[in-house]
């Protein structure tokens, strides 16, 4: 039996293109997941079975630039050996970007103080062949000023029942949105949303509402009505997962983890 004194806990940053995966969580045999690929690669370097815990599960076809995981091991390796070794066994669309030994109290999910997602809209008359699986495509003109105006109406702590999936298993619908920004660079529209945590499909349902408002189909105050209804039936359509990225996960400074500054 391995002594607890020999067990080492690591945190690591993770990038992935989720286009080919059925989400983060391990699936039935034969169905690809990010977690399955990462656990397999780390286990190869560690020479024993490793289970990883993430900061937040991403859905099918959702990407990440700043996912954070933790795992424990009794194998001794230099950080650079972990980094290069794990990436050697990972598929090309998943990459470990950093790795760091952390204290036993660190938990990738429960130690996080906030998460930030970025949604990218390709707003053009014609779709993009290059960015097809990495953006959400909207052909009609979007008014980013009213989208931003609407987004500011839902900042704060609220019951986000109207924006959660009917399959969401969270025990409470209350979440606190800290920050939202909407800005445009040429034909790309970026929407950043930071919150303490998110419900299943919450970001994509908010984006769906903002798109309806940006198309001028709804007044910007409509999003307040949706919020107050506390019923998913009153929400707009769910935005396509291809445009969604887990961008940054923030932790207390004393853990001294790298911060994604893209």
Protein backbone atom coordinates (compact mmCIF):
# COMPACT_ATOMS: atom_id res chain seq x y z
CA UNK A 1 0.00 0.00 0.00
CA UNK A 2 1.39 3.39 -1.03
CA UNK A 3 1.97 5.80 1.85
CA UNK A 4 0.07 9.08 1.60
CA UNK A 5 3.40 10.82 2.17
CA UNK A 6 4.51 9.62 -1.25
CA UNK A 7 1.44 10.84 -3.09
CA UNK A 8 2.01 14.00 -5.12
CA UNK A 9 -0.77 16.24 -6.46
CA UNK A 10 -0.34 18.13 -9.73
CA UNK A 11 -2.40 20.82 -11.39
CA UNK A 12 -2.19 21.29 -15.14
CA UNK A 13 -3.53 23.57 -17.86
CA UNK A 14 -5.27 22.07 -20.85
CA UNK A 15 -6.12 23.24 -24.36
CA UNK A 16 -8.35 21.27 -26.69
CA UNK A 17 -10.36 21.46 -29.86
CA UNK A 18 -13.60 19.77 -28.85
CA UNK A 19 -14.93 19.32 -32.40
CA UNK A 20 -14.27 15.57 -32.47
CA UNK A 21 -15.29 14.78 -28.89
CA UNK A 22 -18.50 14.04 -27.04
CA UNK A 23 -17.58 16.44 -24.26
CA UNK A 24 -15.25 16.30 -21.28
CA UNK A 25 -16.70 13.43 -19.28
CA UNK A 26 -15.85 9.77 -19.83
CA UNK A 27 -18.40 8.08 -22.05
CA UNK A 28 -19.45 4.54 -22.89
CA UNK A 29 -16.83 2.32 -24.48
CA UNK A 30 -16.03 3.46 -28.00
CA UNK A 31 -17.24 7.06 -27.52
CA UNK A 32 -14.42 9.62 -27.42
CA UNK A 33 -14.07 12.11 -24.54
CA UNK A 34 -11.46 14.63 -23.49
CA UNK A 35 -11.19 13.07 -20.02
CA UNK A 36 -10.60 9.61 -21.45
CA UNK A 37 -7.78 10.78 -23.72
CA UNK A 38 -6.10 12.81 -20.95
CA UNK A 39 -6.30 10.03 -18.35
CA UNK A 40 -4.85 7.54 -20.80
CA UNK A 41 -1.90 9.82 -21.64
CA UNK A 42 -1.08 10.71 -18.03
CA UNK A 43 -1.36 7.06 -17.00
CA UNK A 44 1.21 6.12 -19.66
CA UNK A 45 3.74 8.59 -18.22
CA UNK A 46 2.94 7.75 -14.59
CA UNK A 47 3.05 3.98 -15.18
CA UNK A 48 -0.15 3.55 -13.19
CA UNK A 49 -3.84 4.35 -13.65
CA UNK A 50 -4.57 8.04 -13.11
CA UNK A 51 -7.93 9.74 -12.61
CA UNK A 52 -8.19 13.46 -13.42
CA UNK A 53 -10.59 16.09 -12.06
CA UNK A 54 -11.40 19.19 -14.12
CA UNK A 55 -12.47 22.72 -13.21
CA UNK A 56 -15.71 22.32 -15.14
CA UNK A 57 -17.10 19.83 -17.62
CA UNK A 58 -17.45 21.07 -21.17
CA UNK A 59 -20.14 19.76 -23.51
CA UNK A 60 -19.76 18.04 -26.88
CA UNK A 61 -17.90 20.15 -29.47
CA UNK A 62 -16.98 22.85 -26.92
CA UNK A 63 -13.32 23.92 -26.84
CA UNK A 64 -10.87 25.08 -24.18
CA UNK A 65 -7.93 27.43 -23.93
CA UNK A 66 -7.79 27.38 -20.15
CA UNK A 67 -9.18 24.18 -18.67
CA UNK A 68 -7.50 23.23 -15.39
CA UNK A 69 -7.18 19.69 -14.05
CA UNK A 70 -5.61 17.97 -11.08
CA UNK A 71 -4.39 14.43 -10.53
CA UNK A 72 -2.42 12.51 -7.94
CA UNK A 73 0.50 10.16 -8.47
CA UNK A 74 3.29 8.42 -6.61
CA UNK A 75 5.61 8.55 -9.65
CA UNK A 76 8.56 10.94 -9.57
CA UNK A 77 9.15 12.96 -12.74
CA UNK A 78 10.49 16.41 -13.52
CA UNK A 79 7.83 18.90 -14.61
CA UNK A 80 9.27 19.06 -18.11
CA UNK A 81 9.15 15.27 -18.33
CA UNK A 82 5.47 15.26 -17.34
CA UNK A 83 4.70 18.02 -19.82
CA UNK A 84 6.49 16.58 -22.84
CA UNK A 85 5.66 12.98 -21.98
CA UNK A 86 1.91 13.56 -21.60
CA UNK A 87 1.74 15.59 -24.81
CA UNK A 88 3.58 12.81 -26.62
CA UNK A 89 0.69 10.44 -25.84
CA UNK A 90 -2.13 12.93 -26.40
CA UNK A 91 -3.89 13.32 -29.75
CA UNK A 92 -2.91 16.47 -31.68
CA UNK A 93 -6.14 18.29 -30.79
CA UNK A 94 -5.42 18.15 -27.02
CA UNK A 95 -2.39 19.71 -25.31
CA UNK A 96 -1.11 20.17 -21.77
CA UNK A 97 0.18 23.78 -21.63
CA UNK A 98 1.66 23.81 -18.10
CA UNK A 99 1.98 21.55 -15.07
CA UNK A 100 2.73 22.36 -11.44
CA UNK A 101 2.93 20.53 -8.14
CA UNK A 102 0.23 21.81 -5.77
CA UNK A 103 -0.75 21.36 -2.14
CA UNK A 104 -3.10 18.57 -1.12
CA UNK A 105 -5.88 21.09 -0.42
CA UNK A 106 -6.04 22.17 -4.08
CA UNK A 107 -9.07 21.00 -6.04
CA UNK A 108 -9.48 21.92 -9.71
CA UNK A 109 -13.24 22.39 -9.33
CA UNK A 110 -13.89 23.42 -5.74
CA UNK A 111 -10.87 25.72 -5.32
CA UNK A 112 -11.85 27.81 -8.36
CA UNK A 113 -13.29 31.25 -7.62
CA UNK A 114 -14.55 31.95 -11.15
CA UNK A 115 -14.65 30.68 -14.72
CA UNK A 116 -14.64 32.72 -17.90
CA UNK A 117 -16.06 31.52 -21.20
CA UNK A 118 -15.61 33.19 -24.57
CA UNK A 119 -18.07 32.76 -27.41
CA UNK A 120 -16.94 33.64 -30.94
CA UNK A 121 -19.48 34.54 -33.62
CA UNK A 122 -18.50 34.68 -37.27
CA UNK A 123 -20.85 37.38 -38.57
CA UNK A 124 -20.80 37.43 -42.35
CA UNK A 125 -23.06 36.91 -45.36
CA UNK A 126 -21.04 33.80 -46.24
CA UNK A 127 -19.84 31.08 -43.86
CA UNK A 128 -16.15 30.44 -43.27
CA UNK A 129 -14.53 27.26 -44.57
CA UNK A 130 -11.49 27.79 -42.32
CA UNK A 131 -13.24 28.48 -38.99
CA UNK A 132 -16.30 26.27 -39.53
CA UNK A 133 -15.86 24.08 -36.42
CA UNK A 134 -14.43 26.82 -34.21
CA UNK A 135 -17.04 29.58 -34.36
CA UNK A 136 -20.78 30.08 -34.21
CA UNK A 137 -22.00 31.38 -37.57
CA UNK A 138 -24.63 34.13 -37.87
CA UNK A 139 -25.38 35.50 -41.35
CA UNK A 140 -27.62 38.46 -40.44
CA UNK A 141 -26.24 41.78 -39.21
CA UNK A 142 -25.86 41.92 -35.41
CA UNK A 143 -26.03 45.10 -33.36
CA UNK A 144 -23.25 44.59 -30.82
CA UNK A 145 -24.13 47.77 -28.91
CA UNK A 146 -27.58 46.52 -27.92
CA UNK A 147 -26.15 43.05 -27.26
CA UNK A 148 -23.74 44.61 -24.76
CA UNK A 149 -26.55 46.70 -23.26
CA UNK A 150 -28.68 43.59 -22.77
CA UNK A 151 -25.80 41.59 -21.30
CA UNK A 152 -25.29 44.13 -18.51
CA UNK A 153 -28.87 43.51 -17.32
CA UNK A 154 -28.05 40.01 -16.04
CA UNK A 155 -24.82 40.76 -14.18
CA UNK A 156 -25.03 39.82 -10.51
CA UNK A 157 -26.44 36.88 -8.57
CA UNK A 158 -29.72 35.55 -9.94
CA UNK A 159 -31.86 32.46 -10.38
CA UNK A 160 -30.83 31.41 -13.90
CA UNK A 161 -33.47 28.68 -14.31
CA UNK A 162 -34.51 30.18 -17.67
CA UNK A 163 -31.00 29.59 -19.01
CA UNK A 164 -30.32 26.08 -17.75
CA UNK A 165 -30.73 22.80 -19.60
CA UNK A 166 -33.71 20.65 -18.62
CA UNK A 167 -31.11 17.93 -17.95
CA UNK A 168 -29.04 20.13 -15.62
CA UNK A 169 -28.35 18.30 -12.35
CA UNK A 170 -27.21 21.27 -10.25
CA UNK A 171 -28.90 21.46 -6.85
CA UNK A 172 -29.42 25.22 -7.17
CA UNK A 173 -30.13 27.52 -10.16
CA UNK A 174 -28.41 30.49 -8.51
CA UNK A 175 -25.20 31.73 -10.07
CA UNK A 176 -23.30 35.02 -9.91
CA UNK A 177 -22.22 36.63 -13.17
CA UNK A 178 -19.23 38.89 -12.50
CA UNK A 179 -18.49 40.32 -15.92
CA UNK A 180 -19.79 40.31 -19.50
CA UNK A 181 -18.29 42.05 -22.51
CA UNK A 182 -19.31 42.12 -26.17
CA UNK A 183 -16.93 43.46 -28.80
CA UNK A 184 -16.29 43.09 -32.52
CA UNK A 185 -13.13 42.77 -34.60
CA UNK A 186 -13.93 42.79 -38.31
CA UNK A 187 -16.43 39.95 -38.90
CA UNK A 188 -15.74 38.29 -35.54
CA UNK A 189 -17.89 39.09 -32.50
CA UNK A 190 -16.51 38.07 -29.10
CA UNK A 191 -18.64 37.61 -25.98
CA UNK A 192 -16.81 37.05 -22.68
CA UNK A 193 -18.78 35.89 -19.63
CA UNK A 194 -17.23 35.39 -16.19
CA UNK A 195 -19.15 33.86 -13.28
CA UNK A 196 -18.50 31.96 -10.09
CA UNK A 197 -19.90 28.89 -11.86
CA UNK A 198 -22.27 27.99 -14.68
CA UNK A 199 -25.31 25.78 -15.13
CA UNK A 200 -25.46 23.30 -18.00
CA UNK A 201 -25.98 25.18 -21.30
CA UNK A 202 -26.21 28.47 -19.38
CA UNK A 203 -23.63 30.31 -21.48
CA UNK A 204 -25.00 29.06 -24.81
CA UNK A 205 -28.56 29.97 -23.81
CA UNK A 206 -27.47 33.48 -22.81
CA UNK A 207 -25.65 33.81 -26.14
CA UNK A 208 -28.80 32.62 -27.94
CA UNK A 209 -30.78 35.43 -26.32
CA UNK A 210 -28.13 38.02 -27.11
CA UNK A 211 -28.14 36.95 -30.77
CA UNK A 212 -31.93 37.40 -30.94
CA UNK A 213 -31.49 40.89 -29.47
CA UNK A 214 -28.57 41.64 -31.81
CA UNK A 215 -30.76 40.75 -34.78
CA UNK A 216 -33.22 43.36 -33.44
CA UNK A 217 -35.93 40.73 -33.07
CA UNK A 218 -36.21 41.55 -29.37
CA UNK A 219 -35.74 44.70 -27.27
CA UNK A 220 -32.69 44.60 -25.03
CA UNK A 221 -34.90 44.48 -21.91
CA UNK A 222 -36.41 41.18 -23.11
CA UNK A 223 -33.52 39.34 -21.46
CA UNK A 224 -34.72 40.65 -18.09
CA UNK A 225 -38.18 39.20 -18.77
CA UNK A 226 -36.60 35.85 -19.67
CA UNK A 227 -34.56 35.90 -16.45
CA UNK A 228 -37.61 36.68 -14.33
CA UNK A 229 -39.74 33.92 -15.88
CA UNK A 230 -37.41 31.26 -14.39
CA UNK A 231 -38.56 28.92 -17.15
CA UNK A 232 -36.45 27.58 -20.05
CA UNK A 233 -39.48 27.72 -22.38
CA UNK A 234 -39.22 31.51 -22.51
CA UNK A 235 -35.53 31.59 -23.47
CA UNK A 236 -34.12 31.98 -26.98
CA UNK A 237 -32.53 29.18 -29.02
CA UNK A 238 -29.35 27.58 -27.70
CA UNK A 239 -26.24 28.84 -29.50
CA UNK A 240 -24.16 26.26 -31.38
CA UNK A 241 -21.37 24.69 -29.26
CA UNK A 242 -18.65 25.24 -31.89
CA UNK A 243 -18.20 28.88 -30.90
CA UNK A 244 -17.76 28.26 -27.17
CA UNK A 245 -14.40 28.19 -25.37
CA UNK A 246 -13.59 27.68 -21.69
CA UNK A 247 -11.22 30.62 -21.58
CA UNK A 248 -9.87 31.12 -18.06
CA UNK A 249 -10.28 29.59 -14.60
CA UNK A 250 -9.26 31.76 -11.65
CA UNK A 251 -7.95 30.50 -8.30
CA UNK A 252 -6.81 32.17 -5.06
CA UNK A 253 -3.39 33.75 -5.51
CA UNK A 254 -1.73 31.55 -2.90
CA UNK A 255 -1.89 28.57 -5.28
CA UNK A 256 0.34 30.56 -7.68
CA UNK A 257 -1.06 28.99 -10.83
CA UNK A 258 -0.43 30.40 -14.32
CA UNK A 259 -3.20 32.66 -15.65
CA UNK A 260 -4.45 32.51 -19.24
CA UNK A 261 -3.93 36.01 -20.67
CA UNK A 262 -4.98 35.53 -24.29
